[in-house]
Protein backbone atom coordinates (compact mmCIF):
# COMPACT_ATOMS: atom_id res chain seq x y z
CA MET A 1 93.48 111.68 122.30
CA ASN A 2 93.04 111.04 126.23
CA LYS A 3 92.84 107.13 126.94
CA LYS A 4 91.07 106.11 129.79
CA LEU A 5 92.79 103.19 131.50
CA ILE A 6 90.43 100.76 132.74
CA ASP A 7 91.38 98.56 135.69
CA ILE A 8 90.00 94.89 134.56
CA THR A 9 90.36 93.13 138.16
CA ASP A 10 87.23 95.54 139.43
CA HIS A 11 84.97 93.08 136.65
CA PHE A 12 85.64 89.75 137.93
CA GLY A 13 85.98 87.69 141.05
CA PRO A 14 87.76 84.55 142.09
CA GLY A 15 87.07 81.75 139.09
CA GLU A 16 85.41 84.31 136.62
CA THR A 17 86.89 85.28 133.51
CA ALA A 18 88.50 88.59 133.17
CA ALA A 19 86.37 90.58 130.90
CA LEU A 20 85.48 94.29 130.20
CA SER A 21 81.88 95.74 130.57
CA ASP A 22 79.77 96.36 127.71
CA ASN A 23 80.12 100.13 128.64
CA ASP A 24 84.11 99.63 128.54
CA GLN A 25 83.92 98.19 125.05
CA LYS A 26 83.78 99.67 121.82
CA SER A 27 82.49 98.76 118.68
CA PRO A 28 85.19 97.79 115.65
CA GLU A 29 82.85 100.74 113.64
CA SER A 30 83.64 103.33 116.24
CA PHE A 31 86.98 102.31 116.46
CA SER A 32 87.25 102.75 112.72
CA LYS A 33 85.49 106.20 112.42
CA ALA A 34 87.97 107.91 115.21
CA TYR A 35 90.85 106.57 112.73
CA THR A 36 89.63 107.11 109.48
CA THR A 37 92.18 108.80 107.41
CA LYS A 38 92.55 110.53 103.79
CA MET A 39 96.09 109.20 103.10
CA LEU A 40 96.60 108.26 99.60
CA VAL A 41 99.94 106.29 98.71
CA ILE A 42 101.96 107.57 95.52
CA LEU A 43 104.23 105.16 93.62
CA PHE A 44 106.76 105.88 91.21
CA THR A 45 108.22 104.02 88.64
CA ASP A 46 110.76 104.53 85.68
CA ILE A 47 113.20 102.31 83.65
CA VAL A 48 116.30 103.37 84.16
CA GLY A 49 118.53 103.67 80.66
CA SER A 50 115.66 103.62 78.53
CA THR A 51 117.01 106.35 76.24
CA ALA A 52 120.25 104.49 75.95
CA LEU A 53 118.36 101.29 75.60
CA LYS A 54 116.87 102.86 72.57
CA ALA A 55 119.59 104.01 71.47
CA GLU A 56 121.18 100.64 71.03
CA LEU A 57 118.35 98.10 70.10
CA GLY A 58 116.34 100.36 68.29
CA ASP A 59 112.78 101.71 68.51
CA ARG A 60 111.13 98.75 67.61
CA LYS A 61 113.06 96.26 69.93
CA ALA A 62 112.71 98.88 72.57
CA LYS A 63 108.67 99.22 71.83
CA ILE A 64 108.34 95.29 72.87
CA LEU A 65 110.32 95.92 75.70
CA ASP A 66 108.01 98.85 76.54
CA ASP A 67 105.06 97.29 75.86
CA GLU A 68 106.08 94.09 77.89
CA HIS A 69 106.89 96.37 80.83
CA LYS A 70 103.55 97.98 80.43
CA ARG A 71 101.52 94.84 80.11
CA LEU A 72 103.16 93.67 83.57
CA LEU A 73 102.24 96.99 85.62
CA LEU A 74 98.67 97.14 84.56
CA GLY A 75 98.35 93.77 84.86
CA MET A 76 99.24 93.39 88.23
CA LEU A 77 97.52 96.94 88.91
CA GLU A 78 94.24 95.14 88.20
CA GLU A 79 95.08 92.76 90.87
CA ILE A 80 95.03 95.39 93.74
CA GLU A 81 91.82 97.18 94.74
CA ASN A 82 91.68 100.72 95.39
CA ALA A 83 94.33 101.53 92.94
CA GLN A 84 94.89 103.27 89.59
CA VAL A 85 97.48 105.11 86.95
CA LEU A 86 97.72 108.71 87.95
CA ARG A 87 100.00 109.72 85.44
CA VAL A 88 102.30 108.00 82.39
CA GLU A 89 105.06 109.85 80.86
CA GLY A 90 106.93 107.58 78.45
CA ASP A 91 108.26 104.49 80.44
CA ALA A 92 107.57 106.31 83.85
CA TYR A 93 104.29 105.78 85.86
CA ILE A 94 102.83 107.06 88.85
CA PHE A 95 100.18 105.34 90.85
CA LEU A 96 98.39 105.89 93.33
CA PHE A 97 97.15 103.25 96.27
CA HIS A 98 94.15 103.59 99.30
CA LYS A 99 96.77 101.61 101.74
CA PRO A 100 100.47 101.66 101.88
CA GLY A 101 100.83 97.72 102.38
CA ASP A 102 98.82 97.70 98.79
CA ALA A 103 101.81 99.91 97.06
CA VAL A 104 104.41 97.69 98.87
CA GLU A 105 102.93 94.62 97.61
CA PHE A 106 102.37 95.80 93.95
CA ALA A 107 105.96 96.95 93.72
CA ILE A 108 107.22 93.68 95.07
CA ARG A 109 105.12 91.35 93.19
CA THR A 110 105.65 93.52 89.69
CA GLN A 111 109.58 93.07 90.75
CA ALA A 112 109.12 89.39 90.92
CA LEU A 113 107.23 89.47 87.71
CA HIS A 114 109.89 91.42 86.08
CA ARG A 115 112.49 88.76 86.79
CA LYS A 116 110.47 86.14 85.26
CA ALA A 117 109.73 87.96 82.10
CA ARG A 118 113.09 88.74 81.93
CA ALA A 119 113.62 84.93 81.08
CA ASP A 120 111.74 85.47 77.78
CA HIS A 121 113.01 89.18 77.31
CA PRO A 122 116.59 89.30 78.98
CA ARG A 123 117.13 92.74 77.74
CA LEU A 124 113.92 94.12 80.01
CA PRO A 125 115.29 96.25 82.49
CA GLU A 126 115.48 95.12 85.95
CA PHE A 127 112.33 96.27 88.12
CA ARG A 128 114.33 97.07 91.38
CA GLY A 129 110.92 97.62 93.31
CA PRO A 130 111.18 99.55 96.53
CA HIS A 131 114.15 101.58 97.59
CA ARG A 132 116.09 99.92 100.55
């Protein structure tokens, strides 16, 4: 993309405010159209060690934890615009987000919710969120 460099010193004299001419200014709409992308962000979640946890706790207690995990994930998802569940397999979820920032916000906020929920459900696996 060729960018036109503008010398703003040509547009003002002594005592005047530096400004771009009307011809040199672009509207937010034209900028937005020029940089529109069709990007989607995919975020995966999975409870690490869930099979071992089910064997240890039994199906009924493991289901309670799985339901709490699901409640936290889907509750947080409702707070994010332009996001949805793409697929669920067991305790693994695949989410789609329109913006990377929304996916990161979802992961960080869900991690904090899981941390709080562990007070009532200490066996709820830690939600590790974004990988470092």
